[in-house]
Amino acid sequence: MAAPFPDWNDLHDILLITDAGSLSGAARIAGISQSTMSRRLAAIEANGQPVFLRDEMGRMKPNARGRELVAAAREMAAAYDRVKARLTQAAPPLRVASCAMLADVFLSACLPVWAARSDSAAELSVHDDLMALPEDSYDVLVAPMAAAPERSTGQMLGRLAMALYAAPSYVAQYRIRGRLDTLEGQGVIRASKALADAESFRWLARQGGNVTMLSPNIPTMAEACAAGLGIALLPVETAGQDARLLPIDGPKSPSCEIWAVADAAGANDPRIAGFLKWARGEFRASHAGMQAAG
């Protein structure tokens, strides 16, 4: 009866012996004894079907039959390696674009939690003028805005409580005592670029005052405010913890809506859809100073 035709395990052993050039070398690579490797080869070459030529030094080279089996083994190994690389390759990161303020108060802590939950890395980029970004430069945009832009789909994560602040030096210089009914006559730090379109900052522009600086970046506004440059509209969550700033009793700002949006064409991507759904709950649960969306 003919010996069974070599299966994949046999081909693997033939390839090991070919590359090592000897039974002892193949056994070391496989982590088995030389006697075990010798028994395996004997089973492959049973019934007079040799695979290797042996010289007087014990070196082994495949014969004509062996060379065909080695070629098949190399093709199978290469195919396996290609499939393994494709199936184990890490998924591309979820690209999240946002502003410095939201990176600070939400995303820097949120994204590692998301990455651990989804087994997908997250890549955060911070920009001043978010609405000027090309749509193909991000997967999800997290920003203060009034609604999802046209051709986008999104989720309102919540509302960020805002209030007026000034430095003690500014309060002393302008002798602010008690409530301000208006910002007329006051130095005011206002938003620019995309941030200026957020409801809270449109409200601030209607309150009057003398513009002392424009910035698309809330942390930059806070620093200018702390330096005494004027009154600024800032998130309660961060400014309320800054000892360099004093809250101003004055007109009450509406809260600032925070949205996570994605291009409508890409929103069916499970990672994007999953993040949009998850982020609202995370936003609500993790920030006492953020009023959850209704």
Protein backbone atom coordinates (compact mmCIF):
# COMPACT_ATOMS: atom_id res chain seq x y z
CA MET A 1 0.00 0.00 0.00
CA ALA A 2 1.34 3.46 -0.93
CA ALA A 3 2.23 5.89 1.83
CA PRO A 4 -0.27 8.73 2.37
CA PHE A 5 0.56 11.81 0.33
CA PRO A 6 2.33 14.43 2.51
CA ASP A 7 -0.08 16.81 4.27
CA TRP A 8 0.65 20.38 5.41
CA ASN A 9 2.45 19.23 8.56
CA ASP A 10 4.67 17.00 6.43
CA LEU A 11 5.37 19.86 4.02
CA HIS A 12 6.30 22.06 6.96
CA ASP A 13 8.85 19.48 8.13
CA ILE A 14 10.25 19.11 4.59
CA LEU A 15 10.67 22.89 4.41
CA LEU A 16 12.43 22.98 7.79
CA ILE A 17 14.89 20.26 6.76
CA THR A 18 15.54 21.96 3.41
CA ASP A 19 16.26 25.35 4.99
CA ALA A 20 18.33 23.87 7.84
CA GLY A 21 20.21 21.41 5.60
CA SER A 22 20.15 18.63 8.21
CA LEU A 23 17.87 16.74 10.57
CA SER A 24 19.63 18.13 13.63
CA GLY A 25 19.26 21.71 12.42
CA ALA A 26 15.57 21.24 11.57
CA ALA A 27 14.96 19.66 14.98
CA ARG A 28 16.52 22.66 16.76
CA ILE A 29 14.33 25.08 14.81
CA ALA A 30 11.20 23.02 15.53
CA GLY A 31 12.10 22.62 19.21
CA ILE A 32 11.99 18.82 19.11
CA SER A 33 14.55 16.05 19.38
CA GLN A 34 16.52 14.86 16.37
CA SER A 35 15.07 11.36 16.79
CA THR A 36 11.52 12.77 16.56
CA MET A 37 12.38 14.67 13.40
CA SER A 38 14.00 11.53 11.99
CA ARG A 39 10.83 9.47 12.65
CA ARG A 40 8.71 12.13 10.94
CA LEU A 41 10.89 12.07 7.84
CA ALA A 42 10.86 8.28 7.79
CA ALA A 43 7.06 8.32 7.71
CA ILE A 44 7.11 10.85 4.85
CA GLU A 45 9.58 8.72 2.85
CA ALA A 46 7.89 5.38 3.62
CA ASN A 47 7.38 2.79 0.91
CA GLY A 48 10.30 3.92 -1.16
CA GLN A 49 9.29 7.53 -1.82
CA PRO A 50 12.41 9.49 -0.81
CA VAL A 51 12.36 13.25 -0.63
CA PHE A 52 16.00 14.05 0.21
CA LEU A 53 19.46 13.24 -1.07
CA ARG A 54 22.06 12.76 1.67
CA ASP A 55 25.83 13.15 1.36
CA GLU A 56 28.56 11.55 3.46
CA MET A 57 28.53 14.53 5.88
CA GLY A 58 24.84 14.13 6.64
CA ARG A 59 23.86 17.21 4.63
CA MET A 60 20.44 16.92 3.01
CA LYS A 61 19.08 18.40 -0.22
CA PRO A 62 15.68 17.73 -1.77
CA ASN A 63 15.58 15.42 -4.79
CA ALA A 64 13.31 16.08 -7.80
CA ARG A 65 10.20 14.96 -5.89
CA GLY A 66 11.34 16.88 -2.84
CA ARG A 67 11.87 20.09 -4.83
CA GLU A 68 8.24 19.99 -5.99
CA LEU A 69 7.06 19.49 -2.43
CA VAL A 70 9.31 22.31 -1.19
CA ALA A 71 7.91 24.66 -3.86
CA ALA A 72 4.37 23.79 -2.77
CA ALA A 73 5.30 24.30 0.88
CA ARG A 74 6.75 27.76 0.14
CA GLU A 75 3.59 28.79 -1.74
CA MET A 76 1.39 27.64 1.12
CA ALA A 77 3.57 29.39 3.71
CA ALA A 78 3.49 32.63 1.70
CA ALA A 79 -0.31 32.44 1.33
CA TYR A 80 -0.67 31.87 5.08
CA ASP A 81 1.60 34.82 5.87
CA ARG A 82 -0.42 37.10 3.58
CA VAL A 83 -3.72 36.11 5.17
CA LYS A 84 -2.28 36.43 8.67
CA ALA A 85 -0.94 39.91 7.93
CA ARG A 86 -4.26 41.02 6.47
CA LEU A 87 -6.41 39.63 9.26
CA THR A 88 -4.20 40.73 12.13
CA GLN A 89 -3.37 44.17 10.79
CA ALA A 90 -4.57 46.87 13.16
CA ALA A 91 -7.61 48.81 11.99
CA PRO A 92 -6.90 52.42 11.04
CA PRO A 93 -7.38 54.84 13.94
CA LEU A 94 -10.60 56.77 14.40
CA ARG A 95 -9.58 60.30 13.43
CA VAL A 96 -11.20 62.86 15.74
CA ALA A 97 -10.78 66.59 15.10
CA SER A 98 -11.68 69.16 17.73
CA CYS A 99 -10.71 72.45 19.35
CA ALA A 100 -8.27 72.96 22.20
CA MET A 101 -10.99 73.53 24.78
CA LEU A 102 -12.82 70.25 24.11
CA ALA A 103 -9.54 68.37 23.83
CA ASP A 104 -8.77 69.60 27.32
CA VAL A 105 -12.10 69.10 29.08
CA PHE A 106 -13.42 66.01 27.32
CA LEU A 107 -11.53 64.23 24.55
CA SER A 108 -8.13 63.74 26.15
CA ALA A 109 -9.76 61.59 28.82
CA CYS A 110 -12.55 60.19 26.66
CA LEU A 111 -10.60 58.81 23.71
CA PRO A 112 -8.42 56.33 25.65
CA VAL A 113 -11.62 54.90 27.17
CA TRP A 114 -13.12 54.60 23.69
CA ALA A 115 -9.99 52.94 22.31
CA ALA A 116 -9.98 50.32 25.08
CA ARG A 117 -13.67 49.64 24.59
CA SER A 118 -13.60 49.35 20.81
CA ASP A 119 -10.14 47.83 20.24
CA SER A 120 -9.56 50.67 17.78
CA ALA A 121 -7.00 53.40 18.30
CA ALA A 122 -8.15 57.01 18.28
CA GLU A 123 -6.16 59.89 16.80
CA LEU A 124 -6.93 63.40 18.07
CA SER A 125 -6.01 66.51 16.11
CA VAL A 126 -6.59 70.02 17.47
CA HIS A 127 -7.46 72.94 15.19
CA ASP A 128 -8.53 76.56 15.54
CA ASP A 129 -10.88 76.84 12.55
CA LEU A 130 -12.71 73.53 12.56
CA MET A 131 -15.21 74.42 9.86
CA ALA A 132 -12.39 75.08 7.41
CA LEU A 133 -11.07 71.51 7.64
CA PRO A 134 -11.42 69.29 4.55
CA GLU A 135 -14.04 66.62 5.20
CA ASP A 136 -11.59 63.85 4.34
CA SER A 137 -9.16 64.95 7.05
CA TYR A 138 -11.23 63.52 9.92
CA ASP A 139 -13.77 60.79 10.70
CA VAL A 140 -15.54 62.62 13.52
CA LEU A 141 -15.63 66.34 14.31
CA VAL A 142 -16.37 67.36 17.92
CA ALA A 143 -17.08 71.06 18.22
CA PRO A 144 -19.30 73.80 19.65
CA MET A 145 -22.04 74.35 17.07
CA ALA A 146 -25.76 74.94 16.75
CA ALA A 147 -26.55 71.91 14.57
CA ALA A 148 -24.92 69.30 12.37
CA PRO A 149 -23.69 70.93 9.14
CA GLU A 150 -25.31 70.16 5.81
CA ARG A 151 -24.38 66.73 4.39
CA SER A 152 -23.38 65.58 7.88
CA THR A 153 -24.94 63.36 10.49
CA GLY A 154 -24.31 63.80 14.17
CA GLN A 155 -25.23 63.68 17.80
CA MET A 156 -25.57 66.57 20.19
CA LEU A 157 -23.45 65.44 23.12
CA GLY A 158 -24.60 68.04 25.60
CA ARG A 159 -24.39 71.67 26.59
CA LEU A 160 -21.39 73.34 28.14
CA ALA A 161 -22.20 75.83 30.92
CA MET A 162 -20.61 79.22 30.19
CA ALA A 163 -20.10 82.37 32.28
CA LEU A 164 -18.30 85.71 32.23
CA TYR A 165 -14.91 86.01 33.92
CA ALA A 166 -12.25 88.64 34.47
CA ALA A 167 -8.90 88.91 36.25
CA PRO A 168 -8.82 90.52 39.72
CA SER A 169 -6.56 93.21 38.26
CA TYR A 170 -9.18 94.05 35.63
CA VAL A 171 -11.97 94.12 38.22
CA ALA A 172 -9.92 96.50 40.39
CA GLN A 173 -8.88 98.73 37.49
CA TYR A 174 -12.44 99.19 36.22
CA ARG A 175 -13.94 99.26 39.72
CA ILE A 176 -16.47 96.58 39.03
CA ARG A 177 -18.73 96.25 42.07
CA GLY A 178 -21.93 94.30 42.05
CA ARG A 179 -23.83 93.30 38.95
CA LEU A 180 -23.09 94.48 35.42
CA ASP A 181 -26.30 95.03 33.48
CA THR A 182 -24.39 95.46 30.25
CA LEU A 183 -20.87 95.05 28.88
CA GLU A 184 -20.89 98.50 27.32
CA GLY A 185 -17.67 100.30 28.21
CA GLN A 186 -15.93 97.05 29.15
CA GLY A 187 -13.04 95.38 27.36
CA VAL A 188 -14.33 92.11 25.90
CA ILE A 189 -12.43 89.12 24.54
CA ARG A 190 -14.46 87.61 21.71
CA ALA A 191 -14.41 84.49 19.57
CA SER A 192 -13.33 84.36 15.94
CA LYS A 193 -13.57 81.88 13.05
CA ALA A 194 -15.84 78.86 13.60
CA LEU A 195 -16.13 79.44 17.35
CA ALA A 196 -17.81 82.80 16.73
CA ASP A 197 -20.81 80.95 15.23
CA ALA A 198 -21.54 79.04 18.44
CA GLU A 199 -24.71 80.29 20.13
CA SER A 200 -22.93 81.46 23.29
CA PHE A 201 -20.43 83.57 21.39
CA ARG A 202 -23.09 85.04 19.10
CA TRP A 203 -24.84 86.08 22.33
CA LEU A 204 -21.62 87.66 23.62
CA ALA A 205 -21.26 89.71 20.43
CA ARG A 206 -24.70 91.22 21.09
CA GLN A 207 -23.76 92.41 24.58
CA GLY A 208 -21.62 95.30 23.40
CA GLY A 209 -18.27 96.31 24.85
CA ASN A 210 -14.92 97.15 23.31
CA VAL A 211 -13.21 94.22 21.63
CA THR A 212 -9.72 93.84 23.09
CA MET A 213 -8.85 90.54 21.38
CA LEU A 214 -10.30 87.99 18.99
CA SER A 215 -9.38 84.31 19.23
CA PRO A 216 -10.73 80.99 17.93
CA ASN A 217 -9.18 79.24 20.93
CA ILE A 218 -10.85 79.22 24.37
CA PRO A 219 -7.64 78.39 26.32
CA THR A 220 -6.01 81.41 24.64
CA MET A 221 -8.98 83.55 25.69
CA ALA A 222 -8.59 82.33 29.27
CA GLU A 223 -4.90 83.27 29.32
CA ALA A 224 -5.64 86.74 27.93
CA CYS A 225 -8.42 87.15 30.49
CA ALA A 226 -6.09 86.12 33.33
CA ALA A 227 -3.58 88.70 32.09
CA GLY A 228 -6.20 91.45 32.56
CA LEU A 229 -7.00 92.04 28.90
CA GLY A 230 -10.76 92.05 29.38
CA ILE A 231 -13.90 90.10 30.22
CA ALA A 232 -14.15 86.67 28.60
CA LEU A 233 -16.91 84.11 28.16
CA LEU A 234 -15.43 80.82 29.37
CA PRO A 235 -16.54 77.30 30.34
CA VAL A 236 -17.51 77.11 34.00
CA GLU A 237 -15.85 73.70 34.24
CA THR A 238 -12.38 75.09 33.58
CA ALA A 239 -12.55 78.80 34.42
CA GLY A 240 -14.33 78.11 37.71
CA GLN A 241 -11.25 76.18 38.87
CA ASP A 242 -8.76 78.87 37.79
CA ALA A 243 -7.65 80.97 40.79
CA ARG A 244 -6.53 83.72 38.43
CA LEU A 245 -10.11 84.43 37.35
CA LEU A 246 -13.15 85.92 39.05
CA PRO A 247 -16.74 85.28 37.94
CA ILE A 248 -18.56 88.43 36.83
CA ASP A 249 -22.13 88.96 37.94
CA GLY A 250 -23.71 90.15 34.72
CA PRO A 251 -25.81 89.08 31.76
CA LYS A 252 -26.38 85.32 31.68
CA SER A 253 -25.00 83.46 28.73
CA PRO A 254 -26.84 80.57 27.11
CA SER A 255 -25.04 77.27 27.40
CA CYS A 256 -22.89 76.14 24.49
CA GLU A 257 -24.06 73.11 22.47
CA ILE A 258 -21.38 70.50 21.79
CA TRP A 259 -21.84 68.22 18.78
CA ALA A 260 -20.06 65.19 17.38
CA VAL A 261 -20.61 64.98 13.63
CA ALA A 262 -19.42 62.92 10.68
CA ASP A 263 -19.81 63.09 6.94
CA ALA A 264 -23.13 61.45 6.06
CA ALA A 265 -21.47 59.13 3.53
CA GLY A 266 -19.11 57.70 6.15
CA ALA A 267 -21.51 57.52 9.07
CA ASN A 268 -22.37 53.88 8.32
CA ASP A 269 -18.85 52.87 9.30
CA PRO A 270 -19.42 50.83 12.51
CA ARG A 271 -16.57 52.61 14.31
CA ILE A 272 -17.99 56.06 13.51
CA ALA A 273 -21.60 55.14 14.26
CA GLY A 274 -20.51 53.46 17.49
CA PHE A 275 -18.50 56.47 18.61
CA LEU A 276 -21.32 58.93 17.93
CA LYS A 277 -23.70 56.82 20.00
CA TRP A 278 -21.23 56.20 22.80
CA ALA A 279 -19.85 59.73 23.11
CA ARG A 280 -23.12 61.29 24.25
CA GLY A 281 -23.40 58.97 27.23
CA GLU A 282 -19.73 59.45 28.09
CA PHE A 283 -20.11 63.23 27.85
CA ARG A 284 -23.08 63.17 30.19
CA ALA A 285 -21.51 60.79 32.70
CA SER A 286 -18.05 62.25 33.00
CA HIS A 287 -18.51 66.03 33.34
CA ALA A 288 -20.46 67.64 36.15
CA GLY A 289 -19.99 71.06 34.52
CA MET A 290 -21.53 69.90 31.27
CA GLN A 291 -25.30 69.91 31.10
CA ALA A 292 -26.48 66.79 29.30
CA ALA A 293 -28.47 67.13 26.11
CA GLY A 294 -32.18 66.69 26.51
